[in-house]
């Protein structure tokens, strides 16, 4: 049996940052985070979480999951993956990897493909049986973008702000 290292892997590091980014979301039911990383240098290119567009107050728009379309979050929220792509400040994402806490929806998948991201690493695939995720996987496969589940031996990663 091998002894655990005193450091975390690149995958653990970047997924940890994606998880931490998700904590910025005010969505009470699904806090999703994403981290885009240069495929060659492992440099972080961009971050995102599910939230409202710039200039739209999180406190003035609904976060409901049900009800009339205009009274639910779905018409307003920008998903974490799309936010990470849009937040990149004109840096090329060609050949990069995206770490996301939830398998991307079909709309985010289109943006992932169009931006040149070549690999998706995801923490959860809880909607794997939905047509939305099935379409995402089909598009990724046809576009030559690989995807894989995040794997680790860690149960948790603790951040202490005080000694």
Protein backbone atom coordinates (compact mmCIF):
# COMPACT_ATOMS: atom_id res chain seq x y z
CA UNK A 1 0.00 0.00 0.00
CA UNK A 2 1.45 3.36 -0.97
CA UNK A 3 1.75 6.26 1.44
CA UNK A 4 -0.26 9.44 0.71
CA UNK A 5 1.80 12.37 -0.60
CA UNK A 6 2.11 15.66 1.31
CA UNK A 7 0.73 17.49 -1.72
CA UNK A 8 -2.32 17.30 -3.92
CA UNK A 9 -2.37 16.35 -7.60
CA UNK A 10 -3.10 18.87 -10.37
CA UNK A 11 -6.58 17.36 -10.76
CA UNK A 12 -7.26 17.67 -7.02
CA UNK A 13 -5.98 21.26 -7.06
CA UNK A 14 -8.06 22.42 -10.01
CA UNK A 15 -11.23 20.59 -8.95
CA UNK A 16 -10.77 22.09 -5.49
CA UNK A 17 -10.68 25.54 -7.07
CA UNK A 18 -13.80 24.72 -9.11
CA UNK A 19 -15.59 23.62 -5.93
CA UNK A 20 -14.44 26.77 -4.11
CA UNK A 21 -15.64 28.92 -7.04
CA UNK A 22 -19.05 27.26 -6.79
CA UNK A 23 -19.38 28.58 -3.23
CA UNK A 24 -19.67 32.10 -4.75
CA UNK A 25 -23.01 31.14 -6.30
CA UNK A 26 -26.14 32.34 -4.52
CA UNK A 27 -28.16 29.49 -6.05
CA UNK A 28 -29.71 27.74 -3.04
CA UNK A 29 -30.12 24.39 -4.81
CA UNK A 30 -27.14 23.95 -7.14
CA UNK A 31 -23.81 25.71 -6.60
CA UNK A 32 -21.66 24.86 -9.62
CA UNK A 33 -18.09 26.01 -10.19
CA UNK A 34 -15.69 25.72 -13.12
CA UNK A 35 -11.98 26.24 -13.66
CA UNK A 36 -10.32 26.44 -17.10
CA UNK A 37 -6.66 25.44 -17.24
CA UNK A 38 -4.01 25.66 -19.96
CA UNK A 39 -3.47 22.13 -21.25
CA UNK A 40 0.33 22.47 -21.45
CA UNK A 41 1.36 24.73 -18.57
CA UNK A 42 -1.36 23.96 -15.98
CA UNK A 43 -1.89 27.72 -15.61
CA UNK A 44 -5.39 28.80 -14.58
CA UNK A 45 -6.96 30.74 -17.44
CA UNK A 46 -10.40 31.48 -16.03
CA UNK A 47 -12.96 30.70 -13.34
CA UNK A 48 -16.74 30.74 -13.22
CA UNK A 49 -19.77 29.87 -11.13
CA UNK A 50 -23.49 29.83 -11.81
CA UNK A 51 -24.87 33.29 -11.32
CA UNK A 52 -26.56 36.21 -13.00
CA UNK A 53 -25.03 38.33 -15.78
CA UNK A 54 -23.02 41.43 -14.87
CA UNK A 55 -25.28 44.29 -13.84
CA UNK A 56 -28.10 41.98 -12.72
CA UNK A 57 -28.39 41.83 -8.95
CA UNK A 58 -28.52 38.35 -7.41
CA UNK A 59 -31.03 39.76 -4.94
CA UNK A 60 -33.48 41.10 -7.56
CA UNK A 61 -33.95 37.96 -9.66
CA UNK A 62 -35.63 34.69 -8.67
CA UNK A 63 -33.74 31.56 -7.64
CA UNK A 64 -36.82 29.30 -7.70
CA UNK A 65 -36.62 25.99 -9.52
CA UNK A 66 -40.34 25.78 -10.24
CA UNK A 67 -43.21 28.03 -11.24
CA UNK A 68 -43.75 30.26 -14.25
CA UNK A 69 -40.69 30.66 -16.48
CA UNK A 70 -40.19 34.33 -15.58
CA UNK A 71 -40.44 33.47 -11.88
CA UNK A 72 -37.73 30.79 -11.95
CA UNK A 73 -33.96 30.98 -12.24
CA UNK A 74 -33.64 29.18 -15.58
CA UNK A 75 -34.11 32.15 -17.90
CA UNK A 76 -31.56 34.27 -16.02
CA UNK A 77 -28.69 32.18 -14.67
CA UNK A 78 -25.40 31.92 -16.57
CA UNK A 79 -23.91 28.47 -15.93
CA UNK A 80 -20.46 28.09 -14.38
CA UNK A 81 -18.86 26.67 -17.54
CA UNK A 82 -20.13 29.49 -19.75
CA UNK A 83 -19.11 32.06 -17.15
CA UNK A 84 -15.60 30.59 -17.08
CA UNK A 85 -15.41 30.79 -20.89
CA UNK A 86 -16.73 34.36 -20.97
CA UNK A 87 -14.51 35.48 -18.05
CA UNK A 88 -11.27 34.56 -19.80
CA UNK A 89 -10.47 38.16 -20.87
CA UNK A 90 -9.53 37.28 -24.45
CA UNK A 91 -7.02 34.55 -23.63
CA UNK A 92 -7.19 31.66 -26.08
CA UNK A 93 -8.74 28.54 -24.56
CA UNK A 94 -7.52 26.36 -27.45
CA UNK A 95 -6.28 23.03 -26.10
CA UNK A 96 -7.31 23.78 -22.51
CA UNK A 97 -9.12 21.66 -19.88
CA UNK A 98 -12.21 22.61 -17.93
CA UNK A 99 -12.86 21.28 -14.44
CA UNK A 100 -16.51 21.50 -13.50
CA UNK A 101 -18.45 20.30 -10.49
CA UNK A 102 -21.41 19.17 -12.63
CA UNK A 103 -21.37 17.61 -16.10
CA UNK A 104 -22.06 20.45 -18.56
CA UNK A 105 -25.47 20.98 -20.12
CA UNK A 106 -25.92 20.96 -23.89
CA UNK A 107 -25.68 24.78 -24.14
CA UNK A 108 -22.44 24.96 -22.15
CA UNK A 109 -21.12 22.03 -24.16
CA UNK A 110 -21.59 24.02 -27.37
CA UNK A 111 -19.55 26.87 -25.86
CA UNK A 112 -16.88 24.43 -24.63
CA UNK A 113 -16.49 22.99 -28.12
CA UNK A 114 -16.54 26.40 -29.85
CA UNK A 115 -13.93 27.84 -27.44
CA UNK A 116 -11.38 25.12 -28.24
CA UNK A 117 -11.41 23.37 -24.86
CA UNK A 118 -10.22 19.80 -25.45
CA UNK A 119 -10.99 18.04 -22.16
CA UNK A 120 -13.79 18.14 -19.59
CA UNK A 121 -13.13 16.83 -16.07
CA UNK A 122 -16.31 16.61 -14.01
CA UNK A 123 -17.11 15.86 -10.38
CA UNK A 124 -20.79 14.87 -10.66
CA UNK A 125 -22.85 13.40 -13.49
CA UNK A 126 -26.12 13.25 -11.55
CA UNK A 127 -28.19 14.04 -14.64
CA UNK A 128 -26.51 11.40 -16.83
CA UNK A 129 -29.83 9.90 -17.91
CA UNK A 130 -31.28 13.21 -19.11
CA UNK A 131 -31.53 13.96 -22.83
CA UNK A 132 -29.62 17.17 -22.13
CA UNK A 133 -26.50 15.36 -20.86
CA UNK A 134 -26.83 12.61 -23.46
CA UNK A 135 -26.76 15.34 -26.15
CA UNK A 136 -23.73 16.91 -24.45
CA UNK A 137 -21.81 13.64 -24.51
CA UNK A 138 -22.70 13.00 -28.14
CA UNK A 139 -21.51 16.47 -29.18
CA UNK A 140 -18.28 16.15 -27.17
CA UNK A 141 -17.53 12.77 -28.74
CA UNK A 142 -18.24 13.97 -32.30
CA UNK A 143 -16.14 17.11 -31.76
CA UNK A 144 -13.18 15.14 -30.39
CA UNK A 145 -13.39 16.66 -26.90
CA UNK A 146 -12.57 14.09 -24.23
CA UNK A 147 -14.35 13.92 -20.91
CA UNK A 148 -13.66 11.98 -17.76
CA UNK A 149 -14.83 11.80 -14.17
CA UNK A 150 -12.64 13.35 -11.49
CA UNK A 151 -10.87 10.69 -9.46
CA UNK A 152 -9.14 11.04 -6.11
CA UNK A 153 -8.35 9.07 -2.99
CA UNK A 154 -9.19 12.12 -0.87
CA UNK A 155 -12.51 12.36 0.94
CA UNK A 156 -12.07 16.03 1.66
CA UNK A 157 -9.69 18.95 1.36
CA UNK A 158 -9.77 21.34 4.31
CA UNK A 159 -8.91 25.02 4.11
CA UNK A 160 -8.11 26.67 7.46
CA UNK A 161 -8.14 30.44 7.69
CA UNK A 162 -6.87 30.43 11.27
CA UNK A 163 -3.95 28.61 12.85
